């Protein structure tokens, strides 16, 4: 798909666990239009380094292979807003 959201997380990260239910809800609702990609930074340190991830959770939004937005933190409103923006592209 041409639209992606990357979720960089870790099992030990409490804010990551807090936002996880919303992530799964959005993934289910938007799965036909957006690829939702979960990356555990401890298991895939190579990807986290390549994408310059320094804090968790971090969300990276991409359209047609280009990063268009990113933010760190468990901000549920911001996550919903950015997924909606991506849906409308």
PDB file of N, CA and C in Angstrom:
ATOM      1  N   UNK A   1       0.838  -1.194   0.000  1.00  0.00           N
ATOM      2  CA  UNK A   1       0.000   0.000   0.000  1.00  0.00           C
ATOM      3  C   UNK A   1       0.870   1.240   0.000  1.00  0.00           C
ATOM      4  N   UNK A   2       0.294   2.315  -0.434  1.00  0.00           N
ATOM      5  CA  UNK A   2       1.073   3.554  -0.505  1.00  0.00           C
ATOM      6  C   UNK A   2       1.014   4.364   0.790  1.00  0.00           C
ATOM      7  N   UNK A   3       0.175   3.954   1.736  1.00  0.00           N
ATOM      8  CA  UNK A   3       0.068   4.664   3.018  1.00  0.00           C
ATOM      9  C   UNK A   3       0.492   3.723   4.135  1.00  0.00           C
ATOM     10  N   UNK A   4       1.375   4.225   4.999  1.00  0.00           N
ATOM     11  CA  UNK A   4       1.884   3.412   6.104  1.00  0.00           C
ATOM     12  C   UNK A   4       1.966   4.230   7.386  1.00  0.00           C
ATOM     13  N   UNK A   5       1.751   3.520   8.493  1.00  0.00           N
ATOM     14  CA  UNK A   5       2.034   4.084   9.812  1.00  0.00           C
ATOM     15  C   UNK A   5       2.915   3.070  10.522  1.00  0.00           C
ATOM     16  N   UNK A   6       4.058   3.545  10.984  1.00  0.00           N
ATOM     17  CA  UNK A   6       5.004   2.722  11.737  1.00  0.00           C
ATOM     18  C   UNK A   6       4.864   3.064  13.217  1.00  0.00           C
ATOM     19  N   UNK A   7       4.787   2.030  14.053  1.00  0.00           N
ATOM     20  CA  UNK A   7       4.661   2.179  15.499  1.00  0.00           C
ATOM     21  C   UNK A   7       5.894   1.535  16.135  1.00  0.00           C
ATOM     22  N   UNK A   8       6.788   2.368  16.676  1.00  0.00           N
ATOM     23  CA  UNK A   8       7.993   1.886  17.330  1.00  0.00           C
ATOM     24  C   UNK A   8       7.712   1.780  18.817  1.00  0.00           C
ATOM     25  N   UNK A   9       7.872   0.586  19.355  1.00  0.00           N
ATOM     26  CA  UNK A   9       7.448   0.273  20.699  1.00  0.00           C
ATOM     27  C   UNK A   9       8.454  -0.645  21.386  1.00  0.00           C
ATOM     28  N   UNK A  10       8.227  -0.895  22.668  1.00  0.00           N
ATOM     29  CA  UNK A  10       9.019  -1.858  23.434  1.00  0.00           C
ATOM     30  C   UNK A  10       8.129  -2.424  24.535  1.00  0.00           C
ATOM     31  N   UNK A  11       8.364  -3.669  24.880  1.00  0.00           N
ATOM     32  CA  UNK A  11       7.536  -4.334  25.902  1.00  0.00           C
ATOM     33  C   UNK A  11       7.618  -3.630  27.253  1.00  0.00           C
ATOM     34  N   UNK A  12       8.775  -3.053  27.587  1.00  0.00           N
ATOM     35  CA  UNK A  12       8.992  -2.420  28.884  1.00  0.00           C
ATOM     36  C   UNK A  12       8.462  -0.978  28.941  1.00  0.00           C
ATOM     37  N   UNK A  13       8.008  -0.445  27.820  1.00  0.00           N
ATOM     38  CA  UNK A  13       7.587   0.955  27.715  1.00  0.00           C
ATOM     39  C   UNK A  13       6.119   1.117  28.142  1.00  0.00           C
ATOM     40  N   UNK A  14       5.900   1.732  29.296  1.00  0.00           N
ATOM     41  CA  UNK A  14       4.533   1.894  29.817  1.00  0.00           C
ATOM     42  C   UNK A  14       3.647   2.757  28.916  1.00  0.00           C
ATOM     43  N   UNK A  15       4.130   3.901  28.386  1.00  0.00           N
ATOM     44  CA  UNK A  15       3.290   4.674  27.466  1.00  0.00           C
ATOM     45  C   UNK A  15       2.932   3.881  26.203  1.00  0.00           C
ATOM     46  N   UNK A  16       3.850   3.020  25.760  1.00  0.00           N
ATOM     47  CA  UNK A  16       3.571   2.184  24.585  1.00  0.00           C
ATOM     48  C   UNK A  16       2.410   1.239  24.874  1.00  0.00           C
ATOM     49  N   UNK A  17       2.403   0.669  26.063  1.00  0.00           N
ATOM     50  CA  UNK A  17       1.328  -0.253  26.436  1.00  0.00           C
ATOM     51  C   UNK A  17       0.004   0.498  26.597  1.00  0.00           C
ATOM     52  N   UNK A  18       0.087   1.746  27.035  1.00  0.00           N
ATOM     53  CA  UNK A  18      -1.115   2.559  27.220  1.00  0.00           C
ATOM     54  C   UNK A  18      -1.809   2.833  25.889  1.00  0.00           C
ATOM     55  N   UNK A  19      -1.052   3.080  24.841  1.00  0.00           N
ATOM     56  CA  UNK A  19      -1.644   3.467  23.559  1.00  0.00           C
ATOM     57  C   UNK A  19      -1.903   2.264  22.646  1.00  0.00           C
ATOM     58  N   UNK A  20      -1.417   1.114  23.034  1.00  0.00           N
ATOM     59  CA  UNK A  20      -1.548  -0.098  22.211  1.00  0.00           C
ATOM     60  C   UNK A  20      -2.998  -0.439  21.842  1.00  0.00           C
ATOM     61  N   UNK A  21      -3.980  -0.364  22.771  1.00  0.00           N
ATOM     62  CA  UNK A  21      -5.358  -0.678  22.380  1.00  0.00           C
ATOM     63  C   UNK A  21      -5.893   0.248  21.273  1.00  0.00           C
ATOM     64  N   UNK A  22      -5.549   1.527  21.336  1.00  0.00           N
ATOM     65  CA  UNK A  22      -5.975   2.456  20.287  1.00  0.00           C
ATOM     66  C   UNK A  22      -5.299   2.096  18.973  1.00  0.00           C
ATOM     67  N   UNK A  23      -4.019   1.766  19.016  1.00  0.00           N
ATOM     68  CA  UNK A  23      -3.293   1.351  17.810  1.00  0.00           C
ATOM     69  C   UNK A  23      -4.016   0.186  17.131  1.00  0.00           C
ATOM     70  N   UNK A  24      -4.384  -0.826  17.909  1.00  0.00           N
ATOM     71  CA  UNK A  24      -5.065  -1.997  17.344  1.00  0.00           C
ATOM     72  C   UNK A  24      -6.448  -1.635  16.803  1.00  0.00           C
ATOM     73  N   UNK A  25      -7.143  -0.732  17.465  1.00  0.00           N
ATOM     74  CA  UNK A  25      -8.457  -0.281  17.002  1.00  0.00           C
ATOM     75  C   UNK A  25      -8.338   0.424  15.655  1.00  0.00           C
ATOM     76  N   UNK A  26      -7.382   1.345  15.540  1.00  0.00           N
ATOM     77  CA  UNK A  26      -7.177   2.074  14.284  1.00  0.00           C
ATOM     78  C   UNK A  26      -6.730   1.128  13.178  1.00  0.00           C
ATOM     79  N   UNK A  27      -5.880   0.183  13.544  1.00  0.00           N
ATOM     80  CA  UNK A  27      -5.403  -0.805  12.578  1.00  0.00           C
ATOM     81  C   UNK A  27      -6.586  -1.584  11.986  1.00  0.00           C
ATOM     82  N   UNK A  28      -7.487  -1.998  12.831  1.00  0.00           N
ATOM     83  CA  UNK A  28      -8.654  -2.763  12.370  1.00  0.00           C
ATOM     84  C   UNK A  28      -9.572  -1.897  11.505  1.00  0.00           C
ATOM     85  N   UNK A  29      -9.803  -0.670  11.923  1.00  0.00           N
ATOM     86  CA  UNK A  29     -10.716   0.227  11.203  1.00  0.00           C
ATOM     87  C   UNK A  29     -10.172   0.662   9.841  1.00  0.00           C
ATOM     88  N   UNK A  30      -8.861   0.797   9.715  1.00  0.00           N
ATOM     89  CA  UNK A  30      -8.261   1.398   8.519  1.00  0.00           C
ATOM     90  C   UNK A  30      -7.413   0.431   7.700  1.00  0.00           C
ATOM     91  N   UNK A  31      -7.464  -0.857   8.020  1.00  0.00           N
ATOM     92  CA  UNK A  31      -6.547  -1.824   7.416  1.00  0.00           C
ATOM     93  C   UNK A  31      -6.669  -1.933   5.901  1.00  0.00           C
ATOM     94  N   UNK A  32      -7.795  -1.546   5.327  1.00  0.00           N
ATOM     95  CA  UNK A  32      -7.957  -1.631   3.877  1.00  0.00           C
ATOM     96  C   UNK A  32      -7.257  -0.495   3.140  1.00  0.00           C
ATOM     97  N   UNK A  33      -6.905   0.579   3.868  1.00  0.00           N
ATOM     98  CA  UNK A  33      -6.301   1.738   3.221  1.00  0.00           C
ATOM     99  C   UNK A  33      -4.886   2.070   3.688  1.00  0.00           C
ATOM    100  N   UNK A  34      -4.533   1.587   4.892  1.00  0.00           N
ATOM    101  CA  UNK A  34      -3.227   1.919   5.477  1.00  0.00           C
ATOM    102  C   UNK A  34      -2.569   0.646   5.988  1.00  0.00           C
ATOM    103  N   UNK A  35      -1.268   0.504   5.726  1.00  0.00           N
ATOM    104  CA  UNK A  35      -0.479  -0.566   6.346  1.00  0.00           C
ATOM    105  C   UNK A  35      -0.030  -0.082   7.715  1.00  0.00           C
ATOM    106  N   UNK A  36      -0.335  -0.852   8.741  1.00  0.00           N
ATOM    107  CA  UNK A  36       0.093  -0.560  10.103  1.00  0.00           C
ATOM    108  C   UNK A  36       1.246  -1.502  10.436  1.00  0.00           C
ATOM    109  N   UNK A  37       2.409  -0.930  10.734  1.00  0.00           N
ATOM    110  CA  UNK A  37       3.622  -1.715  10.943  1.00  0.00           C
ATOM    111  C   UNK A  37       4.116  -1.490  12.370  1.00  0.00           C
ATOM    112  N   UNK A  38       4.178  -2.561  13.137  1.00  0.00           N
ATOM    113  CA  UNK A  38       4.655  -2.496  14.517  1.00  0.00           C
ATOM    114  C   UNK A  38       6.090  -2.985  14.569  1.00  0.00           C
ATOM    115  N   UNK A  39       6.953  -2.186  15.193  1.00  0.00           N
ATOM    116  CA  UNK A  39       8.363  -2.549  15.315  1.00  0.00           C
ATOM    117  C   UNK A  39       8.754  -2.499  16.789  1.00  0.00           C
ATOM    118  N   UNK A  40       9.113  -3.662  17.338  1.00  0.00           N
ATOM    119  CA  UNK A  40       9.666  -3.719  18.694  1.00  0.00           C
ATOM    120  C   UNK A  40      11.142  -3.337  18.579  1.00  0.00           C
ATOM    121  N   UNK A  41      11.507  -2.230  19.189  1.00  0.00           N
ATOM    122  CA  UNK A  41      12.870  -1.704  19.024  1.00  0.00           C
ATOM    123  C   UNK A  41      13.942  -2.616  19.619  1.00  0.00           C
ATOM    124  N   UNK A  42      13.573  -3.452  20.572  1.00  0.00           N
ATOM    125  CA  UNK A  42      14.541  -4.389  21.138  1.00  0.00           C
ATOM    126  C   UNK A  42      14.779  -5.568  20.197  1.00  0.00           C
ATOM    127  N   UNK A  43      13.744  -5.958  19.471  1.00  0.00           N
ATOM    128  CA  UNK A  43      13.867  -7.075  18.529  1.00  0.00           C
ATOM    129  C   UNK A  43      14.420  -6.630  17.177  1.00  0.00           C
ATOM    130  N   UNK A  44      14.129  -5.403  16.790  1.00  0.00           N
ATOM    131  CA  UNK A  44      14.549  -4.903  15.470  1.00  0.00           C
ATOM    132  C   UNK A  44      15.291  -3.573  15.613  1.00  0.00           C
ATOM    133  N   UNK A  45      16.362  -3.632  16.375  1.00  0.00           N
ATOM    134  CA  UNK A  45      17.189  -2.446  16.606  1.00  0.00           C
ATOM    135  C   UNK A  45      17.698  -1.856  15.289  1.00  0.00           C
ATOM    136  N   UNK A  46      17.943  -2.718  14.300  1.00  0.00           N
ATOM    137  CA  UNK A  46      18.438  -2.266  12.997  1.00  0.00           C
ATOM    138  C   UNK A  46      17.455  -1.299  12.323  1.00  0.00           C
ATOM    139  N   UNK A  47      16.179  -1.632  12.371  1.00  0.00           N
ATOM    140  CA  UNK A  47      15.164  -0.760  11.759  1.00  0.00           C
ATOM    141  C   UNK A  47      15.055   0.538  12.548  1.00  0.00           C
ATOM    142  N   UNK A  48      15.049   0.434  13.877  1.00  0.00           N
ATOM    143  CA  UNK A  48      14.948   1.628  14.722  1.00  0.00           C
ATOM    144  C   UNK A  48      16.125   2.576  14.459  1.00  0.00           C
ATOM    145  N   UNK A  49      17.314   2.031  14.317  1.00  0.00           N
ATOM    146  CA  UNK A  49      18.484   2.868  14.032  1.00  0.00           C
ATOM    147  C   UNK A  49      18.376   3.502  12.650  1.00  0.00           C
ATOM    148  N   UNK A  50      17.977   2.720  11.672  1.00  0.00           N
ATOM    149  CA  UNK A  50      17.845   3.230  10.301  1.00  0.00           C
ATOM    150  C   UNK A  50      16.823   4.366  10.226  1.00  0.00           C
ATOM    151  N   UNK A  51      15.751   4.259  11.038  1.00  0.00           N
ATOM    152  CA  UNK A  51      14.693   5.268  11.013  1.00  0.00           C
ATOM    153  C   UNK A  51      14.928   6.370  12.045  1.00  0.00           C
ATOM    154  N   UNK A  52      16.081   6.330  12.733  1.00  0.00           N
ATOM    155  CA  UNK A  52      16.484   7.359  13.697  1.00  0.00           C
ATOM    156  C   UNK A  52      15.469   7.533  14.832  1.00  0.00           C
ATOM    157  N   UNK A  53      15.099   6.410  15.434  1.00  0.00           N
ATOM    158  CA  UNK A  53      14.133   6.412  16.537  1.00  0.00           C
ATOM    159  C   UNK A  53      14.894   6.558  17.848  1.00  0.00           C
ATOM    160  N   UNK A  54      14.512   7.545  18.648  1.00  0.00           N
ATOM    161  CA  UNK A  54      15.217   7.772  19.908  1.00  0.00           C
ATOM    162  C   UNK A  54      14.318   7.672  21.131  1.00  0.00           C
ATOM    163  N   UNK A  55      13.009   7.624  20.953  1.00  0.00           N
ATOM    164  CA  UNK A  55      12.092   7.519  22.076  1.00  0.00           C
ATOM    165  C   UNK A  55      10.886   6.690  21.697  1.00  0.00           C
ATOM    166  N   UNK A  56      10.224   6.128  22.695  1.00  0.00           N
ATOM    167  CA  UNK A  56       9.051   5.329  22.446  1.00  0.00           C
ATOM    168  C   UNK A  56       7.887   5.812  23.289  1.00  0.00           C
ATOM    169  N   UNK A  57       6.690   5.668  22.740  1.00  0.00           N
ATOM    170  CA  UNK A  57       6.424   5.236  21.375  1.00  0.00           C
ATOM    171  C   UNK A  57       6.718   6.359  20.371  1.00  0.00           C
ATOM    172  N   UNK A  58       7.103   5.969  19.169  1.00  0.00           N
ATOM    173  CA  UNK A  58       7.243   6.906  18.062  1.00  0.00           C
ATOM    174  C   UNK A  58       6.391   6.380  16.916  1.00  0.00           C
ATOM    175  N   UNK A  59       5.678   7.299  16.277  1.00  0.00           N
ATOM    176  CA  UNK A  59       4.832   6.970  15.135  1.00  0.00           C
ATOM    177  C   UNK A  59       5.373   7.711  13.916  1.00  0.00           C
ATOM    178  N   UNK A  60       5.561   6.977  12.825  1.00  0.00           N
ATOM    179  CA  UNK A  60       6.064   7.552  11.581  1.00  0.00           C
ATOM    180  C   UNK A  60       5.008   7.306  10.508  1.00  0.00           C
ATOM    181  N   UNK A  61       4.599   8.378   9.842  1.00  0.00           N
ATOM    182  CA  UNK A  61       3.565   8.318   8.814  1.00  0.00           C
ATOM    183  C   UNK A  61       4.219   8.513   7.458  1.00  0.00           C
ATOM    184  N   UNK A  62       3.879   7.633   6.515  1.00  0.00           N
ATOM    185  CA  UNK A  62       4.487   7.693   5.187  1.00  0.00           C
ATOM    186  C   UNK A  62       3.406   7.580   4.115  1.00  0.00           C
ATOM    187  N   UNK A  63       3.633   8.297   3.024  1.00  0.00           N
ATOM    188  CA  UNK A  63       2.738   8.247   1.863  1.00  0.00           C
ATOM    189  C   UNK A  63       3.601   8.115   0.618  1.00  0.00           C
ATOM    190  N   UNK A  64       3.329   7.079  -0.149  1.00  0.00           N
ATOM    191  CA  UNK A  64       4.077   6.803  -1.373  1.00  0.00           C
ATOM    192  C   UNK A  64       5.587   6.763  -1.132  1.00  0.00           C
ATOM    193  N   UNK A  65       5.974   6.118  -0.022  1.00  0.00           N
ATOM    194  CA  UNK A  65       7.382   5.914   0.281  1.00  0.00           C
ATOM    195  C   UNK A  65       8.110   7.084   0.920  1.00  0.00           C
ATOM    196  N   UNK A  66       7.411   8.175   1.135  1.00  0.00           N
ATOM    197  CA  UNK A  66       8.035   9.366   1.733  1.00  0.00           C
ATOM    198  C   UNK A  66       7.455   9.615   3.121  1.00  0.00           C
ATOM    199  N   UNK A  67       8.342   9.874   4.086  1.00  0.00           N
ATOM    200  CA  UNK A  67       7.871  10.237   5.425  1.00  0.00           C
ATOM    201  C   UNK A  67       7.209  11.598   5.357  1.00  0.00           C
ATOM    202  N   UNK A  68       5.990  11.680   5.909  1.00  0.00           N
ATOM    203  CA  UNK A  68       5.267  12.956   5.890  1.00  0.00           C
ATOM    204  C   UNK A  68       5.089  13.545   7.283  1.00  0.00           C
ATOM    205  N   UNK A  69       5.205  12.696   8.318  1.00  0.00           N
ATOM    206  CA  UNK A  69       5.035  13.200   9.683  1.00  0.00           C
ATOM    207  C   UNK A  69       5.563  12.151  10.648  1.00  0.00           C
ATOM    208  N   UNK A  70       5.979  12.610  11.815  1.00  0.00           N
ATOM    209  CA  UNK A  70       6.338  11.710  12.914  1.00  0.00           C
ATOM    210  C   UNK A  70       6.139  12.439  14.226  1.00  0.00           C
ATOM    211  N   UNK A  71       5.849  11.664  15.259  1.00  0.00           N
ATOM    212  CA  UNK A  71       5.814  12.220  16.607  1.00  0.00           C
ATOM    213  C   UNK A  71       6.095  11.109  17.602  1.00  0.00           C
ATOM    214  N   UNK A  72       6.562  11.519  18.773  1.00  0.00           N
ATOM    215  CA  UNK A  72       6.822  10.587  19.865  1.00  0.00           C
ATOM    216  C   UNK A  72       5.889  10.899  21.014  1.00  0.00           C
ATOM    217  N   UNK A  73       5.523   9.864  21.742  1.00  0.00           N
ATOM    218  CA  UNK A  73       4.652  10.019  22.897  1.00  0.00           C
ATOM    219  C   UNK A  73       3.326   9.324  22.680  1.00  0.00           C
ATOM    220  N   UNK A  74       2.643   9.047  23.777  1.00  0.00           N
ATOM    221  CA  UNK A  74       1.379   8.313  23.747  1.00  0.00           C
ATOM    222  C   UNK A  74       0.192   9.272  23.677  1.00  0.00           C
ATOM    223  N   UNK A  75       0.217  10.169  22.703  1.00  0.00           N
ATOM    224  CA  UNK A  75      -0.845  11.161  22.524  1.00  0.00           C
ATOM    225  C   UNK A  75      -1.941  10.558  21.643  1.00  0.00           C
ATOM    226  N   UNK A  76      -3.012  10.096  22.272  1.00  0.00           N
ATOM    227  CA  UNK A  76      -4.073   9.398  21.552  1.00  0.00           C
ATOM    228  C   UNK A  76      -4.762  10.294  20.536  1.00  0.00           C
ATOM    229  N   UNK A  77      -5.031  11.538  20.914  1.00  0.00           N
ATOM    230  CA  UNK A  77      -5.680  12.476  20.009  1.00  0.00           C
ATOM    231  C   UNK A  77      -4.837  12.744  18.772  1.00  0.00           C
ATOM    232  N   UNK A  78      -3.539  12.918  18.971  1.00  0.00           N
ATOM    233  CA  UNK A  78      -2.636  13.187  17.855  1.00  0.00           C
ATOM    234  C   UNK A  78      -2.558  11.968  16.931  1.00  0.00           C
ATOM    235  N   UNK A  79      -2.520  10.770  17.499  1.00  0.00           N
ATOM    236  CA  UNK A  79      -2.470   9.555  16.681  1.00  0.00           C
ATOM    237  C   UNK A  79      -3.729   9.451  15.818  1.00  0.00           C
ATOM    238  N   UNK A  80      -4.881   9.656  16.426  1.00  0.00           N
ATOM    239  CA  UNK A  80      -6.139   9.596  15.658  1.00  0.00           C
ATOM    240  C   UNK A  80      -6.162  10.658  14.560  1.00  0.00           C
ATOM    241  N   UNK A  81      -5.736  11.861  14.891  1.00  0.00           N
ATOM    242  CA  UNK A  81      -5.732  12.969  13.935  1.00  0.00           C
ATOM    243  C   UNK A  81      -4.807  12.680  12.752  1.00  0.00           C
ATOM    244  N   UNK A  82      -3.624  12.172  13.014  1.00  0.00           N
ATOM    245  CA  UNK A  82      -2.666  11.921  11.939  1.00  0.00           C
ATOM    246  C   UNK A  82      -3.101  10.735  11.064  1.00  0.00           C
ATOM    247  N   UNK A  83      -3.721   9.720  11.660  1.00  0.00           N
ATOM    248  CA  UNK A  83      -4.240   8.605  10.861  1.00  0.00           C
ATOM    249  C   UNK A  83      -5.361   9.118   9.963  1.00  0.00           C
ATOM    250  N   UNK A  84      -6.217   9.977  10.489  1.00  0.00           N
ATOM    251  CA  UNK A  84      -7.298  10.534   9.688  1.00  0.00           C
ATOM    252  C   UNK A  84      -6.748  11.359   8.522  1.00  0.00           C
ATOM    253  N   UNK A  85      -5.729  12.172   8.784  1.00  0.00           N
ATOM    254  CA  UNK A  85      -5.094  12.953   7.709  1.00  0.00           C
ATOM    255  C   UNK A  85      -4.543  12.037   6.627  1.00  0.00           C
ATOM    256  N   UNK A  86      -3.872  10.961   7.050  1.00  0.00           N
ATOM    257  CA  UNK A  86      -3.301  10.016   6.098  1.00  0.00           C
ATOM    258  C   UNK A  86      -4.405   9.337   5.279  1.00  0.00           C
ATOM    259  N   UNK A  87      -5.491   8.998   5.924  1.00  0.00           N
ATOM    260  CA  UNK A  87      -6.630   8.367   5.230  1.00  0.00           C
ATOM    261  C   UNK A  87      -7.149   9.271   4.109  1.00  0.00           C
ATOM    262  N   UNK A  88      -7.142  10.568   4.362  1.00  0.00           N
ATOM    263  CA  UNK A  88      -7.722  11.526   3.412  1.00  0.00           C
ATOM    264  C   UNK A  88      -6.752  11.968   2.313  1.00  0.00           C
ATOM    265  N   UNK A  89      -5.554  11.430   2.303  1.00  0.00           N
ATOM    266  CA  UNK A  89      -4.572  11.803   1.274  1.00  0.00           C
ATOM    267  C   UNK A  89      -4.850  11.029  -0.019  1.00  0.00           C
TER     268      UNK A  89
END
